N, C-alpha and C. Protein backbone atom coordinates (compact mmCIF):
# COMPACT_ATOMS: atom_id res chain seq x y z
N MET A 1 3.60 -20.78 -4.48
CA MET A 1 4.06 -19.58 -3.83
C MET A 1 5.49 -19.80 -3.34
N LYS A 2 6.25 -18.72 -3.40
CA LYS A 2 7.65 -18.79 -2.97
C LYS A 2 7.87 -17.86 -1.78
N ILE A 3 8.87 -18.17 -1.00
CA ILE A 3 9.23 -17.35 0.15
C ILE A 3 10.57 -16.68 -0.17
N PHE A 4 10.59 -15.35 -0.05
CA PHE A 4 11.79 -14.58 -0.37
C PHE A 4 12.25 -13.76 0.83
N LYS A 5 13.56 -13.65 0.98
CA LYS A 5 14.16 -12.69 1.90
C LYS A 5 14.68 -11.54 1.04
N VAL A 6 14.25 -10.33 1.37
CA VAL A 6 14.68 -9.13 0.66
C VAL A 6 15.46 -8.26 1.64
N SER A 7 16.67 -7.90 1.26
CA SER A 7 17.49 -7.10 2.17
C SER A 7 18.24 -6.02 1.42
N ARG A 8 18.58 -5.01 2.17
CA ARG A 8 19.38 -3.93 1.59
C ARG A 8 20.80 -4.44 1.38
N PRO A 9 21.48 -3.91 0.37
CA PRO A 9 22.81 -4.43 0.05
C PRO A 9 23.83 -4.17 1.16
N GLU A 10 24.84 -5.03 1.21
CA GLU A 10 25.92 -4.86 2.18
C GLU A 10 26.56 -3.50 1.95
N GLY A 11 26.83 -2.80 3.01
CA GLY A 11 27.43 -1.47 2.89
C GLY A 11 26.41 -0.35 2.87
N ASP A 12 25.13 -0.69 2.72
CA ASP A 12 24.08 0.32 2.74
C ASP A 12 23.92 0.79 4.19
N LYS A 13 24.03 2.08 4.41
CA LYS A 13 23.94 2.60 5.78
C LYS A 13 22.48 2.62 6.22
N ILE A 14 22.22 1.85 7.26
CA ILE A 14 20.87 1.75 7.81
C ILE A 14 20.82 2.60 9.07
N LYS A 15 19.94 3.59 9.04
CA LYS A 15 19.82 4.54 10.15
C LYS A 15 18.66 4.13 11.05
N TYR A 16 18.46 4.91 12.11
CA TYR A 16 17.31 4.68 12.99
C TYR A 16 16.02 4.85 12.19
N ASP A 17 15.01 4.11 12.60
CA ASP A 17 13.68 4.15 11.99
C ASP A 17 13.69 3.74 10.52
N GLU A 18 14.54 2.77 10.20
CA GLU A 18 14.59 2.22 8.86
C GLU A 18 14.55 0.70 8.92
N TYR A 19 14.08 0.10 7.85
CA TYR A 19 14.08 -1.36 7.71
C TYR A 19 15.39 -1.80 7.09
N SER A 20 15.86 -2.98 7.49
CA SER A 20 17.06 -3.55 6.86
C SER A 20 16.72 -4.74 5.97
N SER A 21 15.62 -5.45 6.30
CA SER A 21 15.24 -6.62 5.50
C SER A 21 13.82 -7.04 5.86
N PHE A 22 13.29 -7.96 5.05
CA PHE A 22 11.99 -8.55 5.35
C PHE A 22 11.87 -9.89 4.62
N VAL A 23 10.90 -10.68 5.06
CA VAL A 23 10.59 -11.95 4.43
C VAL A 23 9.15 -11.86 3.93
N CYS A 24 8.93 -12.31 2.68
CA CYS A 24 7.58 -12.25 2.13
C CYS A 24 7.25 -13.50 1.34
N ILE A 25 5.96 -13.70 1.11
CA ILE A 25 5.47 -14.79 0.29
C ILE A 25 4.83 -14.16 -0.95
N THR A 26 5.25 -14.62 -2.11
CA THR A 26 4.69 -14.15 -3.37
C THR A 26 5.05 -15.15 -4.47
N SER A 27 4.58 -14.89 -5.66
CA SER A 27 4.81 -15.83 -6.75
C SER A 27 6.08 -15.55 -7.56
N HIS A 28 6.57 -14.31 -7.52
CA HIS A 28 7.71 -13.94 -8.37
C HIS A 28 8.73 -13.08 -7.64
N LYS A 29 9.98 -13.26 -8.01
CA LYS A 29 11.08 -12.47 -7.45
C LYS A 29 10.87 -10.97 -7.70
N ALA A 30 10.36 -10.62 -8.86
CA ALA A 30 10.14 -9.20 -9.19
C ALA A 30 9.12 -8.56 -8.26
N LYS A 31 8.11 -9.32 -7.87
CA LYS A 31 7.11 -8.79 -6.93
C LYS A 31 7.75 -8.58 -5.56
N ALA A 32 8.59 -9.51 -5.15
CA ALA A 32 9.28 -9.37 -3.86
C ALA A 32 10.16 -8.12 -3.86
N ARG A 33 10.88 -7.89 -4.94
CA ARG A 33 11.77 -6.73 -5.04
C ARG A 33 11.01 -5.41 -4.93
N ARG A 34 9.82 -5.36 -5.45
CA ARG A 34 9.05 -4.12 -5.46
C ARG A 34 8.17 -3.95 -4.22
N THR A 35 8.31 -4.87 -3.28
CA THR A 35 7.51 -4.80 -2.06
C THR A 35 8.24 -3.98 -1.00
N HIS A 36 7.47 -3.23 -0.26
CA HIS A 36 7.98 -2.47 0.89
C HIS A 36 7.74 -3.33 2.14
N PRO A 37 8.60 -3.24 3.14
CA PRO A 37 8.39 -4.03 4.36
C PRO A 37 7.03 -3.79 5.02
N ARG A 38 6.39 -2.66 4.71
CA ARG A 38 5.04 -2.41 5.25
C ARG A 38 3.96 -3.10 4.43
N ASN A 39 4.36 -4.00 3.52
CA ASN A 39 3.44 -4.74 2.65
C ASN A 39 2.82 -3.83 1.59
N GLU A 40 3.67 -3.05 0.97
CA GLU A 40 3.27 -2.21 -0.14
C GLU A 40 4.22 -2.48 -1.30
N THR A 41 3.79 -2.24 -2.51
CA THR A 41 4.67 -2.38 -3.67
C THR A 41 4.78 -1.04 -4.39
N ARG A 42 5.70 -0.99 -5.34
CA ARG A 42 5.90 0.23 -6.11
C ARG A 42 5.36 0.05 -7.52
N VAL A 43 4.85 1.12 -8.07
CA VAL A 43 4.33 1.11 -9.42
C VAL A 43 4.86 2.35 -10.15
N TRP A 44 5.22 2.17 -11.43
CA TRP A 44 5.70 3.29 -12.24
C TRP A 44 4.49 4.02 -12.80
N ARG A 45 4.46 5.33 -12.62
CA ARG A 45 3.37 6.14 -13.15
C ARG A 45 3.92 7.04 -14.23
N ALA A 46 3.56 6.76 -15.46
CA ALA A 46 4.07 7.53 -16.60
C ALA A 46 3.70 8.99 -16.52
N GLU A 47 2.52 9.29 -15.98
CA GLU A 47 2.09 10.69 -15.91
C GLU A 47 2.94 11.54 -14.98
N THR A 48 3.59 10.92 -13.99
CA THR A 48 4.46 11.67 -13.09
C THR A 48 5.93 11.39 -13.39
N GLY A 49 6.19 10.30 -14.10
CA GLY A 49 7.57 9.92 -14.39
C GLY A 49 8.32 9.47 -13.15
N GLN A 50 7.59 8.90 -12.17
CA GLN A 50 8.20 8.49 -10.91
C GLN A 50 7.58 7.18 -10.43
N TRP A 51 8.28 6.55 -9.48
CA TRP A 51 7.73 5.40 -8.78
C TRP A 51 6.81 5.90 -7.67
N HIS A 52 5.72 5.20 -7.44
CA HIS A 52 4.81 5.50 -6.35
C HIS A 52 4.54 4.20 -5.62
N TRP A 53 4.20 4.30 -4.35
CA TRP A 53 3.86 3.11 -3.56
C TRP A 53 2.41 2.75 -3.80
N ILE A 54 2.13 1.45 -3.82
CA ILE A 54 0.76 0.95 -3.95
C ILE A 54 0.54 -0.08 -2.85
N ASP A 55 -0.55 0.05 -2.13
CA ASP A 55 -0.86 -0.85 -1.03
C ASP A 55 -1.26 -2.22 -1.59
N CYS A 56 -0.60 -3.28 -1.14
CA CYS A 56 -0.86 -4.63 -1.65
C CYS A 56 -2.27 -5.12 -1.30
N GLU A 57 -2.79 -4.66 -0.19
CA GLU A 57 -4.10 -5.12 0.26
C GLU A 57 -5.24 -4.40 -0.46
N THR A 58 -5.13 -3.07 -0.60
CA THR A 58 -6.23 -2.29 -1.16
C THR A 58 -6.03 -1.93 -2.63
N GLY A 59 -4.78 -1.96 -3.10
CA GLY A 59 -4.51 -1.55 -4.47
C GLY A 59 -4.46 -0.04 -4.66
N LYS A 60 -4.56 0.71 -3.56
CA LYS A 60 -4.58 2.17 -3.63
C LYS A 60 -3.17 2.71 -3.89
N VAL A 61 -3.04 3.55 -4.91
CA VAL A 61 -1.76 4.17 -5.24
C VAL A 61 -1.67 5.50 -4.50
N GLU A 62 -0.54 5.72 -3.83
CA GLU A 62 -0.33 7.00 -3.16
C GLU A 62 -0.07 8.06 -4.21
N GLU A 63 -0.79 9.15 -4.12
CA GLU A 63 -0.66 10.23 -5.10
C GLU A 63 0.64 10.99 -4.92
N GLU A 64 1.04 11.20 -3.68
CA GLU A 64 2.29 11.89 -3.44
C GLU A 64 3.42 10.87 -3.48
N ASN A 65 4.50 11.25 -4.07
CA ASN A 65 5.63 10.35 -4.21
C ASN A 65 6.61 10.57 -3.05
N ASP A 66 6.42 9.83 -1.98
CA ASP A 66 7.33 9.90 -0.84
C ASP A 66 8.33 8.77 -1.01
N GLU A 67 9.47 9.06 -1.60
CA GLU A 67 10.46 8.04 -1.93
C GLU A 67 11.06 7.36 -0.70
N TYR A 68 11.13 8.05 0.41
CA TYR A 68 11.88 7.52 1.55
C TYR A 68 11.19 6.35 2.22
N HIS A 69 10.09 6.57 2.88
CA HIS A 69 9.29 5.50 3.47
C HIS A 69 10.07 4.52 4.34
N SER A 70 11.21 4.92 4.90
CA SER A 70 12.02 4.09 5.79
C SER A 70 12.57 2.84 5.12
N TRP A 71 12.69 2.88 3.81
CA TRP A 71 13.19 1.75 3.03
C TRP A 71 14.07 2.30 1.94
N SER A 72 14.77 1.45 1.26
CA SER A 72 15.70 1.87 0.21
C SER A 72 14.96 2.49 -0.97
N THR A 73 15.54 3.50 -1.57
CA THR A 73 14.98 4.07 -2.79
C THR A 73 15.55 3.40 -4.03
N ASP A 74 16.57 2.58 -3.88
CA ASP A 74 17.21 1.90 -5.00
C ASP A 74 16.79 0.44 -5.00
N ILE A 75 15.61 0.15 -5.53
CA ILE A 75 15.10 -1.22 -5.46
C ILE A 75 15.91 -2.18 -6.32
N ASP A 76 16.61 -1.67 -7.33
CA ASP A 76 17.42 -2.55 -8.16
C ASP A 76 18.64 -3.09 -7.42
N ALA A 77 19.07 -2.41 -6.36
CA ALA A 77 20.23 -2.85 -5.58
C ALA A 77 19.86 -3.84 -4.47
N LEU A 78 18.58 -4.03 -4.22
CA LEU A 78 18.16 -4.93 -3.15
C LEU A 78 18.59 -6.36 -3.45
N VAL A 79 18.91 -7.09 -2.39
CA VAL A 79 19.29 -8.50 -2.50
C VAL A 79 18.03 -9.33 -2.25
N VAL A 80 17.63 -10.10 -3.26
CA VAL A 80 16.41 -10.92 -3.15
C VAL A 80 16.81 -12.39 -3.26
N GLU A 81 16.55 -13.13 -2.18
CA GLU A 81 16.92 -14.54 -2.13
C GLU A 81 15.67 -15.40 -1.94
N GLU A 82 15.52 -16.43 -2.75
CA GLU A 82 14.43 -17.38 -2.53
C GLU A 82 14.88 -18.33 -1.42
N ILE A 83 14.11 -18.37 -0.33
CA ILE A 83 14.52 -19.17 0.83
C ILE A 83 13.58 -20.34 1.11
N GLY A 84 12.51 -20.45 0.33
CA GLY A 84 11.58 -21.56 0.54
C GLY A 84 10.42 -21.48 -0.42
N SER A 85 9.52 -22.44 -0.28
CA SER A 85 8.33 -22.44 -1.13
C SER A 85 7.19 -23.14 -0.42
N SER A 86 6.01 -22.94 -0.97
CA SER A 86 4.82 -23.58 -0.44
C SER A 86 4.11 -24.26 -1.61
N PRO A 87 3.63 -25.46 -1.42
CA PRO A 87 2.97 -26.15 -2.53
C PRO A 87 1.60 -25.58 -2.86
N GLN A 88 1.06 -24.75 -1.98
CA GLN A 88 -0.27 -24.20 -2.20
C GLN A 88 -0.22 -22.70 -2.41
N LYS A 89 -1.17 -22.21 -3.16
CA LYS A 89 -1.31 -20.77 -3.36
C LYS A 89 -2.42 -20.29 -2.43
N PHE A 90 -2.03 -19.55 -1.41
CA PHE A 90 -2.99 -19.11 -0.40
C PHE A 90 -3.68 -17.80 -0.76
N PHE A 91 -3.05 -16.97 -1.60
CA PHE A 91 -3.59 -15.66 -1.94
C PHE A 91 -2.89 -15.15 -3.18
N ASP A 92 -3.42 -14.10 -3.76
CA ASP A 92 -2.76 -13.41 -4.86
C ASP A 92 -1.97 -12.25 -4.29
N GLY A 93 -0.95 -11.82 -4.97
CA GLY A 93 -0.19 -10.65 -4.53
C GLY A 93 1.00 -11.01 -3.67
N VAL A 94 1.24 -10.17 -2.67
CA VAL A 94 2.41 -10.29 -1.80
C VAL A 94 1.97 -10.18 -0.35
N LYS A 95 2.60 -10.95 0.51
CA LYS A 95 2.33 -10.86 1.94
C LYS A 95 3.66 -10.86 2.70
N VAL A 96 3.94 -9.76 3.40
CA VAL A 96 5.13 -9.68 4.25
C VAL A 96 4.82 -10.43 5.54
N ILE A 97 5.71 -11.36 5.92
CA ILE A 97 5.46 -12.15 7.13
C ILE A 97 6.44 -11.83 8.25
N LEU A 98 7.52 -11.13 7.94
CA LEU A 98 8.51 -10.77 8.96
C LEU A 98 9.35 -9.61 8.43
N ALA A 99 9.63 -8.62 9.28
CA ALA A 99 10.45 -7.49 8.86
C ALA A 99 11.41 -7.10 9.99
N SER A 100 12.58 -6.64 9.60
CA SER A 100 13.58 -6.17 10.54
C SER A 100 13.61 -4.64 10.50
N TYR A 101 13.18 -4.02 11.61
CA TYR A 101 13.07 -2.56 11.70
C TYR A 101 13.98 -2.06 12.81
N HIS A 102 14.74 -1.03 12.53
CA HIS A 102 15.69 -0.49 13.49
C HIS A 102 15.12 0.79 14.10
N ALA A 103 14.37 0.63 15.18
CA ALA A 103 13.70 1.75 15.83
C ALA A 103 14.71 2.68 16.49
N GLY A 104 14.41 3.97 16.46
CA GLY A 104 15.34 4.96 17.01
C GLY A 104 14.98 5.48 18.33
């Protein structure tokens, strides 16, 4: 398992009630990039032609596409840095362990 810091790009305007970054544990950089600070990931749904959020714990896909969710809508622009690793695999999927939220 690897530890990643995921943050919004420099110059991205972060408003009240938005996240600026988070730290998560997962096996791949791509999984970290698609994770929401609330411990959710995004999945492409061909039938809607849009990204939807999927809960990492339950696997439930949100039917309504709420792009905002207090996080960036441009996941390709996110900065993903590997900051550590663990020799053991504790779980499958992604686990957010710390998030930076700017409450309003």
